[in-house]
Amino acid sequence: MKRFVSSLLACGVALALAPAMASAKDIKLVGVTVVDLGNPFFGAIAKGIDAKVKEVAGPSAKTLVVSGDYDLGKQSTQFDNFIQAGVDLIIVSAVDSKAVGAAVKRAEAAGIPVVAIDNTADNAMATITTDNVTAGKQACSYIVDKLNGKGNLIIVNGPPVSGVIDRVKGCKQVISAHPDMKILSDNQNGIGTREGGLNVTTALLTANDKVDAIFTINDPSAIGADLAARQLKRSGIIITTVDGSPDVEAALKEKTQIEASSAQLPSALANSAVDAGVKLLNGEKLAEPSILVAPALVTRDNVSTYKGWNSGK
């Protein structure tokens, strides 16, 4: 069963799990491997995990944070390094949701609980993710509304992880309900980076004369897509995305073609992941091992009231 968590979760869970936290002081070292520390979202998650670990286990507890850099072999080796280092808990944002399962098994065989964050990871004992289907729906509903249900859309896809797959799924569900909306492309991998978004969007805009909107799977891709449109002197394109990062906050306030982002809550994800890890370390069976954190759509109209990742809320 999946549980939906609001943005208030970060405040409420700490109290709800107070008994478990009492023995969390035994935690000395937590290993964290994320998809790409070059993406500010994962940097915010890492910062949130470190803060939460210190909150529940004391200031001497440490986190060892590394970047998988979209490289499965590298992330697999990171698991082995964590095992050798004797970490108490591993939190992973998987480079490949299925293929990372073998590394997860090795860690758990060594007695180290593994919690997946942001993306699923096969064999993980708990999974904390944004409700990515809803995020995709929010971003693409905005496009449909702006275009009155008629126009051409390109999707800048990303790595084969659950979060990306679900965002695209949510977007397509919305678009499929509008017969006058046409998806021109949905299978080009921008690898979740600004450069990838730039390259994929440049190719797709060059190949298609009429593009009314672009949906990208994350903010860096959207910023790259906006740059591609400007370089090709293509205007009037609605760009929406998922993340709610500080970079996209700035883009929404400036003269870009990015108009909306379904915002994730890295602090809520981080808090939930550590709380789940504490329970697992205490030998508790999780009644709800899969938790979804609800996103919120940030647009040009409401960005002035958006608290953002740096608020810690």
Protein backbone atom coordinates (compact mmCIF):
# COMPACT_ATOMS: atom_id res chain seq x y z
CA MET A 1 0.00 0.00 0.00
CA LYS A 2 1.25 3.49 -0.82
CA ARG A 3 0.72 6.40 1.52
CA PHE A 4 0.36 9.94 0.28
CA VAL A 5 2.20 12.54 2.34
CA SER A 6 1.56 16.27 2.23
CA SER A 7 4.18 18.99 2.51
CA LEU A 8 3.48 19.01 6.25
CA LEU A 9 5.00 15.55 6.63
CA ALA A 10 8.44 16.94 7.36
CA CYS A 11 7.09 18.53 10.53
CA GLY A 12 4.76 15.74 11.66
CA VAL A 13 6.82 12.62 11.19
CA ALA A 14 9.49 13.62 13.68
CA LEU A 15 6.93 13.57 16.48
CA ALA A 16 5.20 10.44 15.28
CA LEU A 17 8.44 8.46 15.30
CA ALA A 18 9.89 9.81 18.55
CA PRO A 19 10.21 6.35 20.21
CA ALA A 20 12.20 5.01 17.27
CA MET A 21 14.54 7.97 17.28
CA ALA A 22 15.61 7.29 20.84
CA SER A 23 17.82 4.43 19.69
CA ALA A 24 18.89 6.19 16.50
CA LYS A 25 21.93 7.52 18.38
CA ASP A 26 23.63 4.23 17.47
CA ILE A 27 23.83 5.50 13.88
CA LYS A 28 27.38 6.61 13.17
CA LEU A 29 27.55 6.65 9.37
CA VAL A 30 24.94 6.72 6.60
CA GLY A 31 25.89 6.09 2.97
CA VAL A 32 24.04 8.15 0.37
CA THR A 33 24.38 7.62 -3.37
CA VAL A 34 22.32 9.77 -5.72
CA VAL A 35 21.86 9.93 -9.47
CA ASP A 36 23.82 13.13 -10.03
CA LEU A 37 25.08 15.67 -7.50
CA GLY A 38 25.41 18.13 -10.37
CA ASN A 39 21.61 18.38 -10.29
CA PRO A 40 20.61 20.77 -7.48
CA PHE A 41 17.65 18.55 -6.55
CA PHE A 42 19.96 15.77 -5.43
CA GLY A 43 22.18 18.26 -3.66
CA ALA A 44 19.13 19.42 -1.70
CA ILE A 45 18.20 15.82 -0.87
CA ALA A 46 21.74 15.09 0.35
CA LYS A 47 21.72 18.22 2.51
CA GLY A 48 18.33 17.24 3.93
CA ILE A 49 19.46 13.71 4.74
CA ASP A 50 22.56 14.98 6.53
CA ALA A 51 20.50 17.42 8.61
CA LYS A 52 17.95 14.76 9.53
CA VAL A 53 20.60 12.18 10.45
CA LYS A 54 22.22 14.67 12.82
CA GLU A 55 18.82 15.55 14.26
CA VAL A 56 17.92 11.96 15.11
CA ALA A 57 21.36 10.51 15.89
CA GLY A 58 23.33 13.46 17.20
CA PRO A 59 25.88 15.89 15.76
CA SER A 60 28.64 13.29 15.59
CA ALA A 61 26.70 11.15 13.09
CA LYS A 62 28.00 11.49 9.55
CA THR A 63 26.72 11.01 6.02
CA LEU A 64 28.96 9.85 3.19
CA VAL A 65 27.44 11.33 0.02
CA VAL A 66 28.53 10.26 -3.46
CA SER A 67 27.27 10.81 -7.00
CA GLY A 68 26.37 7.93 -9.31
CA ASP A 69 26.73 10.22 -12.33
CA TYR A 70 24.21 8.17 -14.34
CA ASP A 71 26.68 5.26 -14.27
CA LEU A 72 25.33 1.94 -12.99
CA GLY A 73 28.79 0.41 -12.60
CA LYS A 74 29.93 3.39 -10.56
CA GLN A 75 26.88 3.25 -8.30
CA SER A 76 27.32 -0.49 -7.81
CA THR A 77 30.92 0.08 -6.73
CA GLN A 78 29.71 2.77 -4.34
CA PHE A 79 27.53 0.18 -2.62
CA ASP A 80 30.56 -2.06 -2.17
CA ASN A 81 32.53 0.86 -0.75
CA PHE A 82 29.71 1.58 1.70
CA ILE A 83 29.74 -2.05 2.83
CA GLN A 84 33.51 -1.93 3.36
CA ALA A 85 33.17 1.34 5.28
CA GLY A 86 30.67 -0.30 7.65
CA VAL A 87 27.83 2.18 7.15
CA ASP A 88 24.73 1.63 9.25
CA LEU A 89 22.23 2.57 6.55
CA ILE A 90 22.25 3.21 2.80
CA ILE A 91 19.92 5.67 1.07
CA VAL A 92 19.95 5.40 -2.73
CA SER A 93 18.54 7.39 -5.60
CA ALA A 94 19.03 4.75 -8.28
CA VAL A 95 20.73 5.32 -11.59
CA ASP A 96 18.74 2.32 -12.89
CA SER A 97 15.79 1.21 -10.77
CA LYS A 98 15.98 -2.47 -11.71
CA ALA A 99 19.66 -3.07 -12.37
CA VAL A 100 20.72 -1.59 -9.01
CA GLY A 101 18.85 -4.44 -7.30
CA ALA A 102 21.92 -6.70 -7.20
CA ALA A 103 23.92 -4.07 -5.28
CA VAL A 104 21.00 -3.55 -2.89
CA LYS A 105 20.95 -7.30 -2.19
CA ARG A 106 24.68 -7.29 -1.37
CA ALA A 107 24.21 -4.51 1.15
CA GLU A 108 21.24 -6.15 2.82
CA ALA A 109 23.09 -9.47 2.95
CA ALA A 110 25.73 -7.58 4.93
CA GLY A 111 23.06 -6.47 7.38
CA ILE A 112 22.71 -2.92 6.05
CA PRO A 113 19.13 -1.69 5.41
CA VAL A 114 18.62 0.11 2.10
CA VAL A 115 16.05 2.85 1.56
CA ALA A 116 15.27 4.07 -1.96
CA ILE A 117 14.62 7.77 -2.43
CA ASP A 118 13.25 9.68 -5.44
CA ASN A 119 13.29 6.52 -7.61
CA THR A 120 12.43 2.93 -6.80
CA ALA A 121 15.30 0.47 -6.37
CA ASP A 122 14.66 -3.24 -6.65
CA ASN A 123 14.99 -5.09 -3.32
CA ALA A 124 15.05 -1.89 -1.22
CA MET A 125 13.30 -2.30 2.13
CA ALA A 126 11.52 1.07 1.84
CA THR A 127 10.82 3.52 -0.98
CA ILE A 128 10.23 7.26 -0.64
CA THR A 129 9.30 9.07 -3.84
CA THR A 130 7.43 12.05 -5.15
CA ASP A 131 4.06 11.15 -6.64
CA ASN A 132 5.59 11.41 -10.08
CA VAL A 133 2.49 10.42 -12.03
CA THR A 134 0.68 13.37 -10.47
CA ALA A 135 3.68 15.61 -11.20
CA GLY A 136 3.50 14.71 -14.89
CA LYS A 137 -0.25 15.25 -14.90
CA GLN A 138 0.08 18.68 -13.28
CA ALA A 139 2.70 19.88 -15.74
CA CYS A 140 0.87 18.65 -18.83
CA SER A 141 -2.57 19.76 -17.63
CA TYR A 142 -1.12 23.26 -17.53
CA ILE A 143 -0.10 22.88 -21.19
CA VAL A 144 -3.53 21.59 -22.21
CA ASP A 145 -5.26 24.47 -20.44
CA LYS A 146 -2.99 27.08 -22.00
CA LEU A 147 -3.49 25.63 -25.49
CA ASN A 148 -7.23 25.06 -25.04
CA GLY A 149 -6.69 21.38 -25.73
CA LYS A 150 -5.17 21.78 -29.20
CA GLY A 151 -1.52 21.76 -30.26
CA ASN A 152 1.73 19.89 -30.83
CA LEU A 153 3.86 18.70 -27.89
CA ILE A 154 7.33 17.24 -27.62
CA ILE A 155 8.45 15.34 -24.53
CA VAL A 156 12.12 15.49 -23.55
CA ASN A 157 12.48 12.13 -21.82
CA GLY A 158 15.21 10.94 -19.45
CA PRO A 159 17.02 7.99 -17.86
CA PRO A 160 15.07 4.72 -17.38
CA VAL A 161 14.26 5.19 -13.70
CA SER A 162 10.84 4.95 -12.10
CA GLY A 163 10.47 8.68 -11.42
CA VAL A 164 11.07 9.60 -15.06
CA ILE A 165 8.85 6.81 -16.38
CA ASP A 166 6.01 7.88 -14.08
CA ARG A 167 6.27 11.56 -15.02
CA VAL A 168 6.01 10.76 -18.70
CA LYS A 169 3.16 8.34 -17.95
CA GLY A 170 1.23 11.06 -16.11
CA CYS A 171 1.78 13.54 -18.92
CA LYS A 172 0.60 11.08 -21.56
CA GLN A 173 -2.51 10.25 -19.54
CA VAL A 174 -3.51 13.90 -19.66
CA ILE A 175 -2.68 14.37 -23.34
CA SER A 176 -4.50 11.18 -24.40
CA ALA A 177 -7.78 12.67 -23.18
CA HIS A 178 -7.49 15.48 -25.74
CA PRO A 179 -7.66 14.24 -29.35
CA ASP A 180 -6.51 17.57 -30.74
CA MET A 181 -3.24 17.36 -28.80
CA LYS A 182 -0.46 15.55 -30.66
CA ILE A 183 2.79 14.23 -29.18
CA LEU A 184 5.48 14.63 -31.84
CA SER A 185 8.22 12.84 -29.88
CA ASP A 186 8.42 11.10 -26.51
CA ASN A 187 11.46 8.81 -26.64
CA GLN A 188 14.49 11.09 -26.80
CA ASN A 189 16.66 10.87 -23.67
CA GLY A 190 17.97 14.22 -22.49
CA ILE A 191 19.65 12.38 -19.55
CA GLY A 192 18.18 14.87 -17.09
CA THR A 193 20.80 17.56 -17.72
CA ARG A 194 20.86 21.08 -19.14
CA GLU A 195 23.17 19.96 -21.94
CA GLY A 196 20.99 16.96 -22.73
CA GLY A 197 17.86 19.10 -22.77
CA LEU A 198 19.59 21.57 -25.08
CA ASN A 199 20.77 18.88 -27.50
CA VAL A 200 17.52 16.89 -27.65
CA THR A 201 15.34 19.98 -27.97
CA THR A 202 17.57 21.48 -30.66
CA ALA A 203 17.21 18.30 -32.72
CA LEU A 204 13.45 18.04 -32.18
CA LEU A 205 12.74 21.69 -32.94
CA THR A 206 14.88 21.46 -36.07
CA ALA A 207 12.90 18.40 -37.19
CA ASN A 208 9.47 19.88 -36.42
CA ASP A 209 8.30 23.22 -37.77
CA LYS A 210 5.30 23.57 -35.46
CA VAL A 211 5.84 22.91 -31.77
CA ASP A 212 3.46 24.55 -29.32
CA ALA A 213 4.72 23.05 -26.07
CA ILE A 214 7.53 21.06 -24.48
CA PHE A 215 7.35 18.88 -21.38
CA THR A 216 10.68 17.90 -19.85
CA ILE A 217 11.25 15.39 -17.07
CA ASN A 218 13.17 17.80 -14.83
CA ASP A 219 14.21 21.42 -14.43
CA PRO A 220 17.75 21.17 -15.85
CA SER A 221 16.28 19.66 -19.04
CA ALA A 222 13.74 22.48 -19.19
CA ILE A 223 16.42 25.14 -18.88
CA GLY A 224 18.29 23.45 -21.73
CA ALA A 225 15.08 23.28 -23.78
CA ASP A 226 14.46 27.00 -23.26
CA LEU A 227 18.02 27.76 -24.37
CA ALA A 228 17.52 25.64 -27.50
CA ALA A 229 14.35 27.52 -28.39
CA ARG A 230 16.07 30.88 -27.94
CA GLN A 231 19.08 29.84 -30.00
CA LEU A 232 16.79 28.70 -32.82
CA LYS A 233 14.69 31.87 -32.43
CA ARG A 234 11.57 29.82 -31.77
CA SER A 235 9.05 31.69 -29.64
CA GLY A 236 5.55 31.10 -28.32
CA ILE A 237 6.43 27.67 -26.92
CA ILE A 238 5.07 26.68 -23.50
CA ILE A 239 7.64 24.73 -21.49
CA THR A 240 6.67 22.84 -18.33
CA THR A 241 8.65 20.48 -16.18
CA VAL A 242 9.11 18.81 -12.78
CA ASP A 243 11.31 19.81 -9.79
CA GLY A 244 10.65 23.33 -8.51
CA SER A 245 14.36 24.07 -8.18
CA PRO A 246 15.90 27.48 -7.39
CA ASP A 247 17.01 27.70 -11.04
CA VAL A 248 13.46 27.27 -12.29
CA GLU A 249 12.19 29.75 -9.69
CA ALA A 250 14.47 32.30 -11.31
CA ALA A 251 13.39 31.22 -14.80
CA LEU A 252 9.72 31.68 -13.92
CA LYS A 253 10.45 35.24 -12.82
CA GLU A 254 12.45 36.08 -15.97
CA LYS A 255 11.66 36.27 -19.67
CA THR A 256 11.95 32.58 -20.46
CA GLN A 257 9.46 30.24 -22.10
CA ILE A 258 9.35 28.05 -18.98
CA GLU A 259 5.90 28.59 -17.45
CA ALA A 260 5.40 25.89 -14.81
CA SER A 261 7.16 23.22 -12.76
CA SER A 262 5.58 20.55 -10.57
CA ALA A 263 7.62 21.08 -7.43
CA GLN A 264 9.16 18.26 -5.45
CA LEU A 265 9.91 18.61 -1.74
CA PRO A 266 13.46 17.37 -1.10
CA SER A 267 13.29 18.05 2.64
CA ALA A 268 10.13 15.92 3.00
CA LEU A 269 11.69 13.12 0.95
CA ALA A 270 14.89 13.23 3.01
CA ASN A 271 13.06 13.28 6.35
CA SER A 272 10.86 10.35 5.36
CA ALA A 273 13.83 8.31 4.11
CA VAL A 274 15.79 8.74 7.34
CA ASP A 275 12.72 8.03 9.47
CA ALA A 276 12.10 4.80 7.54
CA GLY A 277 15.76 3.85 7.92
CA VAL A 278 15.61 4.40 11.68
CA LYS A 279 12.61 2.10 11.97
CA LEU A 280 14.36 -0.58 9.93
CA LEU A 281 17.48 -0.32 12.09
CA ASN A 282 15.28 -0.81 15.14
CA GLY A 283 14.01 -4.05 13.63
CA GLU A 284 10.55 -2.72 12.92
CA LYS A 285 8.47 -4.01 10.03
CA LEU A 286 7.18 -1.09 8.02
CA ALA A 287 3.42 -1.15 7.66
CA GLU A 288 3.71 1.16 4.66
CA PRO A 289 7.11 0.67 2.99
CA SER A 290 6.20 2.80 -0.03
CA ILE A 291 5.49 6.48 0.61
CA LEU A 292 4.47 9.05 -1.98
CA VAL A 293 5.08 12.74 -1.30
CA ALA A 294 2.63 15.02 -3.11
CA PRO A 295 4.04 17.65 -5.53
CA ALA A 296 2.72 21.20 -5.99
CA LEU A 297 2.55 23.10 -9.28
CA VAL A 298 4.57 26.32 -9.37
CA THR A 299 3.73 28.75 -12.17
CA ARG A 300 4.53 32.28 -13.26
CA ASP A 301 1.37 33.35 -11.44
CA ASN A 302 2.17 31.84 -8.03
CA VAL A 303 5.98 31.70 -7.92
CA SER A 304 6.11 34.80 -5.73
CA THR A 305 4.50 32.80 -2.89
CA TYR A 306 6.47 29.59 -3.47
CA LYS A 307 8.71 28.82 -0.48
CA GLY A 308 11.14 26.70 -2.50
CA TRP A 309 13.79 24.15 -1.62
CA ASN A 310 15.91 26.54 0.40
CA SER A 311 13.12 27.21 2.88
CA GLY A 312 13.58 23.77 4.45
CA LYS A 313 9.80 23.29 4.45
